[in-house]
Amino acid sequence: MSDTSSPVRLFFALWPPEAVREQLARLARKIADHCPGRPVRPENLHLTLAFLGETDRNMIPALRQAGSVIQNVSFDLLLDKLYCWGKGNIIAAGISQNSHELAALAQELRNQLTAAGVRYDMVKFVPHVTLVRNAKCNHISEIIRPVTWTATHWSLVQSRLSQYGSVYQSLADWTLAPPDN
């Protein structure tokens, strides 16, 4: 039984479709072979829109409401670059060309969170998918074979630690409308 007063670790994210997730998982394993580290499990691959961290679980209804008012359209993402962060111990796939639709979704979400009085990590939004953690790498080629996906939905996600690492559970999901053509 969970304690209803204990905080929960939350974030909002885009989930890649299965074929893209498999492609990213292969890339993560290949990188981990070159730069010893721990590839992110395929089911955990995501692009964070806003990180909330430890949040009072009583805020979940307000977070669901904040997400429900956002009415953005689906869009294509092109991951075509690798980043090394944290002294090289995090390796992530990112974008070299700004996606206006992605930036608009992240900004609208942040606006809704601010209006609802919800605290979130206010660092500059840098779109990326973490591929490898605890990497031992000083240098890695920044160029990768592009990975494209159409973002069609996003979620409010709870992260829980288990003996096998983080386990993510979607608490609310929203669909991005098809673009008007």
C-alpha atoms as a PDB file:
ATOM      1  CA  MET A   1       0.000   0.000   0.000  1.00  0.00           C
ATOM      2  CA  SER A   2       1.447   3.393  -0.960  1.00  0.00           C
ATOM      3  CA  ASP A   3       1.553   6.377   1.334  1.00  0.00           C
ATOM      4  CA  THR A   4      -0.827   9.017  -0.067  1.00  0.00           C
ATOM      5  CA  SER A   5       1.200  11.790   1.585  1.00  0.00           C
ATOM      6  CA  SER A   6       4.564  10.796   0.098  1.00  0.00           C
ATOM      7  CA  PRO A   7       5.786  12.709  -2.962  1.00  0.00           C
ATOM      8  CA  VAL A   8       6.021  11.097  -6.384  1.00  0.00           C
ATOM      9  CA  ARG A   9       8.669  11.693  -9.043  1.00  0.00           C
ATOM     10  CA  LEU A  10       6.971  13.072 -12.171  1.00  0.00           C
ATOM     11  CA  PHE A  11       7.712  14.343 -15.660  1.00  0.00           C
ATOM     12  CA  PHE A  12       5.917  14.994 -18.954  1.00  0.00           C
ATOM     13  CA  ALA A  13       7.255  13.167 -22.019  1.00  0.00           C
ATOM     14  CA  LEU A  14       6.861  12.184 -25.637  1.00  0.00           C
ATOM     15  CA  TRP A  15       7.054   8.437 -26.290  1.00  0.00           C
ATOM     16  CA  PRO A  16       8.548   7.147 -29.546  1.00  0.00           C
ATOM     17  CA  PRO A  17       6.610   4.524 -31.485  1.00  0.00           C
ATOM     18  CA  GLU A  18       7.794   0.922 -31.144  1.00  0.00           C
ATOM     19  CA  ALA A  19       9.897   0.844 -34.350  1.00  0.00           C
ATOM     20  CA  VAL A  20      11.708   4.042 -33.338  1.00  0.00           C
ATOM     21  CA  ARG A  21      12.184   2.737 -29.802  1.00  0.00           C
ATOM     22  CA  GLU A  22      13.848  -0.387 -31.217  1.00  0.00           C
ATOM     23  CA  GLN A  23      16.083   1.743 -33.443  1.00  0.00           C
ATOM     24  CA  LEU A  24      17.101   3.933 -30.485  1.00  0.00           C
ATOM     25  CA  ALA A  25      17.693   0.849 -28.310  1.00  0.00           C
ATOM     26  CA  ARG A  26      20.059  -0.597 -30.951  1.00  0.00           C
ATOM     27  CA  LEU A  27      21.911   2.717 -31.075  1.00  0.00           C
ATOM     28  CA  ALA A  28      22.134   2.787 -27.256  1.00  0.00           C
ATOM     29  CA  ARG A  29      23.616  -0.737 -27.162  1.00  0.00           C
ATOM     30  CA  LYS A  30      26.125   0.156 -29.896  1.00  0.00           C
ATOM     31  CA  ILE A  31      27.208   3.283 -28.003  1.00  0.00           C
ATOM     32  CA  ALA A  32      27.474   1.344 -24.727  1.00  0.00           C
ATOM     33  CA  ASP A  33      29.778  -1.151 -26.474  1.00  0.00           C
ATOM     34  CA  HIS A  34      32.047   1.735 -27.514  1.00  0.00           C
ATOM     35  CA  CYS A  35      31.755   3.776 -24.301  1.00  0.00           C
ATOM     36  CA  PRO A  36      31.090   1.342 -21.479  1.00  0.00           C
ATOM     37  CA  GLY A  37      27.915   2.358 -19.727  1.00  0.00           C
ATOM     38  CA  ARG A  38      24.338   1.314 -19.062  1.00  0.00           C
ATOM     39  CA  PRO A  39      21.987   1.582 -22.038  1.00  0.00           C
ATOM     40  CA  VAL A  40      18.555   2.902 -21.139  1.00  0.00           C
ATOM     41  CA  ARG A  41      16.010   0.086 -21.287  1.00  0.00           C
ATOM     42  CA  PRO A  42      13.907   0.319 -24.480  1.00  0.00           C
ATOM     43  CA  GLU A  43      10.621   0.802 -22.580  1.00  0.00           C
ATOM     44  CA  ASN A  44      12.136   3.853 -20.825  1.00  0.00           C
ATOM     45  CA  LEU A  45      13.270   5.732 -23.946  1.00  0.00           C
ATOM     46  CA  HIS A  46      11.437   9.071 -24.091  1.00  0.00           C
ATOM     47  CA  LEU A  47      11.870  12.778 -24.739  1.00  0.00           C
ATOM     48  CA  THR A  48      11.196  14.869 -21.623  1.00  0.00           C
ATOM     49  CA  LEU A  49       9.007  17.934 -22.151  1.00  0.00           C
ATOM     50  CA  ALA A  50       9.090  19.120 -18.522  1.00  0.00           C
ATOM     51  CA  PHE A  51      10.656  17.558 -15.430  1.00  0.00           C
ATOM     52  CA  LEU A  52       8.790  18.090 -12.180  1.00  0.00           C
ATOM     53  CA  GLY A  53      10.820  15.871  -9.846  1.00  0.00           C
ATOM     54  CA  GLU A  54       9.449  15.085  -6.414  1.00  0.00           C
ATOM     55  CA  THR A  55       5.860  16.358  -6.404  1.00  0.00           C
ATOM     56  CA  ASP A  56       3.015  16.102  -3.927  1.00  0.00           C
ATOM     57  CA  ARG A  57       0.753  13.345  -5.274  1.00  0.00           C
ATOM     58  CA  ASN A  58      -2.255  15.543  -4.517  1.00  0.00           C
ATOM     59  CA  MET A  59      -1.107  17.723  -7.453  1.00  0.00           C
ATOM     60  CA  ILE A  60      -1.778  14.957 -10.003  1.00  0.00           C
ATOM     61  CA  PRO A  61      -5.374  16.119 -10.765  1.00  0.00           C
ATOM     62  CA  ALA A  62      -4.100  19.673 -11.415  1.00  0.00           C
ATOM     63  CA  LEU A  63      -1.364  18.256 -13.670  1.00  0.00           C
ATOM     64  CA  ARG A  64      -3.920  16.228 -15.616  1.00  0.00           C
ATOM     65  CA  GLN A  65      -6.031  19.371 -16.003  1.00  0.00           C
ATOM     66  CA  ALA A  66      -3.025  21.426 -17.162  1.00  0.00           C
ATOM     67  CA  GLY A  67      -2.261  18.823 -19.823  1.00  0.00           C
ATOM     68  CA  SER A  68      -5.846  18.510 -20.974  1.00  0.00           C
ATOM     69  CA  VAL A  69      -6.131  22.148 -22.093  1.00  0.00           C
ATOM     70  CA  ILE A  70      -3.192  21.858 -24.512  1.00  0.00           C
ATOM     71  CA  GLN A  71      -4.372  21.317 -28.087  1.00  0.00           C
ATOM     72  CA  ASN A  72      -1.264  20.992 -30.270  1.00  0.00           C
ATOM     73  CA  VAL A  73      -0.834  19.087 -33.528  1.00  0.00           C
ATOM     74  CA  SER A  74       1.354  16.077 -34.239  1.00  0.00           C
ATOM     75  CA  PHE A  75       4.767  16.754 -35.741  1.00  0.00           C
ATOM     76  CA  ASP A  76       7.892  15.046 -37.019  1.00  0.00           C
ATOM     77  CA  LEU A  77      11.058  14.862 -34.951  1.00  0.00           C
ATOM     78  CA  LEU A  78      14.512  14.272 -36.406  1.00  0.00           C
ATOM     79  CA  LEU A  79      17.114  13.031 -33.929  1.00  0.00           C
ATOM     80  CA  ASP A  80      20.420  13.481 -35.744  1.00  0.00           C
ATOM     81  CA  LYS A  81      23.044  14.372 -33.156  1.00  0.00           C
ATOM     82  CA  LEU A  82      24.654  12.898 -30.040  1.00  0.00           C
ATOM     83  CA  TYR A  83      25.358  14.821 -26.855  1.00  0.00           C
ATOM     84  CA  CYS A  84      27.685  13.920 -23.975  1.00  0.00           C
ATOM     85  CA  TRP A  85      26.679  15.506 -20.676  1.00  0.00           C
ATOM     86  CA  GLY A  86      27.824  15.347 -17.103  1.00  0.00           C
ATOM     87  CA  LYS A  87      31.533  14.877 -17.844  1.00  0.00           C
ATOM     88  CA  GLY A  88      30.615  12.379 -20.555  1.00  0.00           C
ATOM     89  CA  ASN A  89      28.589  10.020 -18.356  1.00  0.00           C
ATOM     90  CA  ILE A  90      25.241  10.702 -20.098  1.00  0.00           C
ATOM     91  CA  ILE A  91      24.932  10.146 -23.838  1.00  0.00           C
ATOM     92  CA  ALA A  92      21.772  11.372 -25.535  1.00  0.00           C
ATOM     93  CA  ALA A  93      20.366  11.729 -29.039  1.00  0.00           C
ATOM     94  CA  GLY A  94      19.184  15.230 -29.875  1.00  0.00           C
ATOM     95  CA  ILE A  95      18.132  17.487 -32.701  1.00  0.00           C
ATOM     96  CA  SER A  96      20.331  19.860 -34.666  1.00  0.00           C
ATOM     97  CA  GLN A  97      17.426  21.721 -36.317  1.00  0.00           C
ATOM     98  CA  ASN A  98      14.904  23.465 -34.093  1.00  0.00           C
ATOM     99  CA  SER A  99      11.408  21.964 -34.224  1.00  0.00           C
ATOM    100  CA  HIS A 100       8.911  24.805 -33.856  1.00  0.00           C
ATOM    101  CA  GLU A 101       6.068  22.392 -33.030  1.00  0.00           C
ATOM    102  CA  LEU A 102       8.112  20.658 -30.322  1.00  0.00           C
ATOM    103  CA  ALA A 103       9.207  23.980 -28.835  1.00  0.00           C
ATOM    104  CA  ALA A 104       5.583  25.214 -28.903  1.00  0.00           C
ATOM    105  CA  LEU A 105       4.344  22.093 -27.080  1.00  0.00           C
ATOM    106  CA  ALA A 106       7.043  22.368 -24.404  1.00  0.00           C
ATOM    107  CA  GLN A 107       6.412  26.097 -23.942  1.00  0.00           C
ATOM    108  CA  GLU A 108       2.629  25.710 -23.772  1.00  0.00           C
ATOM    109  CA  LEU A 109       3.065  22.962 -21.173  1.00  0.00           C
ATOM    110  CA  ARG A 110       5.396  25.144 -19.119  1.00  0.00           C
ATOM    111  CA  ASN A 111       2.903  28.034 -19.384  1.00  0.00           C
ATOM    112  CA  GLN A 112       0.102  25.798 -18.097  1.00  0.00           C
ATOM    113  CA  LEU A 113       2.271  24.504 -15.238  1.00  0.00           C
ATOM    114  CA  THR A 114       3.193  28.057 -14.243  1.00  0.00           C
ATOM    115  CA  ALA A 115      -0.469  29.154 -14.369  1.00  0.00           C
ATOM    116  CA  ALA A 116      -1.392  26.196 -12.137  1.00  0.00           C
ATOM    117  CA  GLY A 117       1.347  27.090  -9.654  1.00  0.00           C
ATOM    118  CA  VAL A 118       3.245  23.858 -10.304  1.00  0.00           C
ATOM    119  CA  ARG A 119       6.999  23.837  -9.753  1.00  0.00           C
ATOM    120  CA  TYR A 120       9.143  22.267 -12.471  1.00  0.00           C
ATOM    121  CA  ASP A 121      12.771  22.276 -13.549  1.00  0.00           C
ATOM    122  CA  MET A 122      13.110  25.593 -15.374  1.00  0.00           C
ATOM    123  CA  VAL A 123      16.376  24.824 -17.155  1.00  0.00           C
ATOM    124  CA  LYS A 124      16.448  25.687 -20.841  1.00  0.00           C
ATOM    125  CA  PHE A 125      14.542  23.098 -22.884  1.00  0.00           C
ATOM    126  CA  VAL A 126      17.065  20.965 -24.797  1.00  0.00           C
ATOM    127  CA  PRO A 127      15.190  18.211 -26.657  1.00  0.00           C
ATOM    128  CA  HIS A 128      16.929  14.863 -26.264  1.00  0.00           C
ATOM    129  CA  VAL A 129      16.454  11.158 -25.637  1.00  0.00           C
ATOM    130  CA  THR A 130      18.903   9.746 -23.076  1.00  0.00           C
ATOM    131  CA  LEU A 131      20.480   6.593 -24.515  1.00  0.00           C
ATOM    132  CA  VAL A 132      23.301   5.619 -22.129  1.00  0.00           C
ATOM    133  CA  ARG A 133      23.901   6.385 -18.453  1.00  0.00           C
ATOM    134  CA  ASN A 134      27.123   5.990 -16.462  1.00  0.00           C
ATOM    135  CA  ALA A 135      29.112   6.085 -19.709  1.00  0.00           C
ATOM    136  CA  LYS A 136      32.891   6.120 -19.565  1.00  0.00           C
ATOM    137  CA  CYS A 137      33.548   8.263 -22.600  1.00  0.00           C
ATOM    138  CA  ASN A 138      35.574  11.386 -23.238  1.00  0.00           C
ATOM    139  CA  HIS A 139      34.710  11.684 -26.917  1.00  0.00           C
ATOM    140  CA  ILE A 140      32.032  10.359 -29.209  1.00  0.00           C
ATOM    141  CA  SER A 141      31.140  11.273 -32.759  1.00  0.00           C
ATOM    142  CA  GLU A 142      28.288  13.767 -32.688  1.00  0.00           C
ATOM    143  CA  ILE A 143      26.884  12.602 -36.016  1.00  0.00           C
ATOM    144  CA  ILE A 144      24.435   9.685 -36.117  1.00  0.00           C
ATOM    145  CA  ARG A 145      22.192   8.178 -38.750  1.00  0.00           C
ATOM    146  CA  PRO A 146      19.025  10.276 -38.406  1.00  0.00           C
ATOM    147  CA  VAL A 147      16.152   8.784 -36.462  1.00  0.00           C
ATOM    148  CA  THR A 148      12.760  10.185 -37.426  1.00  0.00           C
ATOM    149  CA  TRP A 149       9.494   9.827 -35.596  1.00  0.00           C
ATOM    150  CA  THR A 150       6.084  11.418 -35.742  1.00  0.00           C
ATOM    151  CA  ALA A 151       5.092  12.611 -32.287  1.00  0.00           C
ATOM    152  CA  THR A 152       1.417  11.719 -31.896  1.00  0.00           C
ATOM    153  CA  HIS A 153       0.947  11.645 -28.127  1.00  0.00           C
ATOM    154  CA  TRP A 154       2.497  12.719 -24.845  1.00  0.00           C
ATOM    155  CA  SER A 155       2.101  11.747 -21.214  1.00  0.00           C
ATOM    156  CA  LEU A 156       2.369  12.610 -17.550  1.00  0.00           C
ATOM    157  CA  VAL A 157       4.729   9.959 -16.195  1.00  0.00           C
ATOM    158  CA  GLN A 158       5.625   8.693 -12.736  1.00  0.00           C
ATOM    159  CA  SER A 159       9.127   7.332 -12.196  1.00  0.00           C
ATOM    160  CA  ARG A 160       9.660   4.737  -9.481  1.00  0.00           C
ATOM    161  CA  LEU A 161      12.916   3.069  -8.530  1.00  0.00           C
ATOM    162  CA  SER A 162      13.002  -0.713  -8.468  1.00  0.00           C
ATOM    163  CA  GLN A 163      15.808  -3.198  -7.994  1.00  0.00           C
ATOM    164  CA  TYR A 164      16.172  -3.158 -11.797  1.00  0.00           C
ATOM    165  CA  GLY A 165      16.288   0.622 -12.197  1.00  0.00           C
ATOM    166  CA  SER A 166      13.607   3.164 -13.000  1.00  0.00           C
ATOM    167  CA  VAL A 167      10.117   1.995 -13.881  1.00  0.00           C
ATOM    168  CA  TYR A 168       7.899   4.478 -15.708  1.00  0.00           C
ATOM    169  CA  GLN A 169       4.124   4.510 -15.452  1.00  0.00           C
ATOM    170  CA  SER A 170       1.904   6.794 -17.500  1.00  0.00           C
ATOM    171  CA  LEU A 171      -0.641   8.606 -15.310  1.00  0.00           C
ATOM    172  CA  ALA A 172      -2.322  10.552 -18.137  1.00  0.00           C
ATOM    173  CA  ASP A 173      -1.991  10.583 -21.923  1.00  0.00           C
ATOM    174  CA  TRP A 174      -2.926  13.153 -24.540  1.00  0.00           C
ATOM    175  CA  THR A 175      -3.147  12.826 -28.305  1.00  0.00           C
ATOM    176  CA  LEU A 176      -1.677  15.420 -30.638  1.00  0.00           C
ATOM    177  CA  ALA A 177      -4.167  16.249 -33.388  1.00  0.00           C
ATOM    178  CA  PRO A 178      -3.300  15.461 -37.011  1.00  0.00           C
ATOM    179  CA  PRO A 179      -1.979  18.567 -38.780  1.00  0.00           C
ATOM    180  CA  ASP A 180      -4.321  20.420 -41.129  1.00  0.00           C
ATOM    181  CA  ASN A 181      -3.156  19.843 -44.677  1.00  0.00           C
END
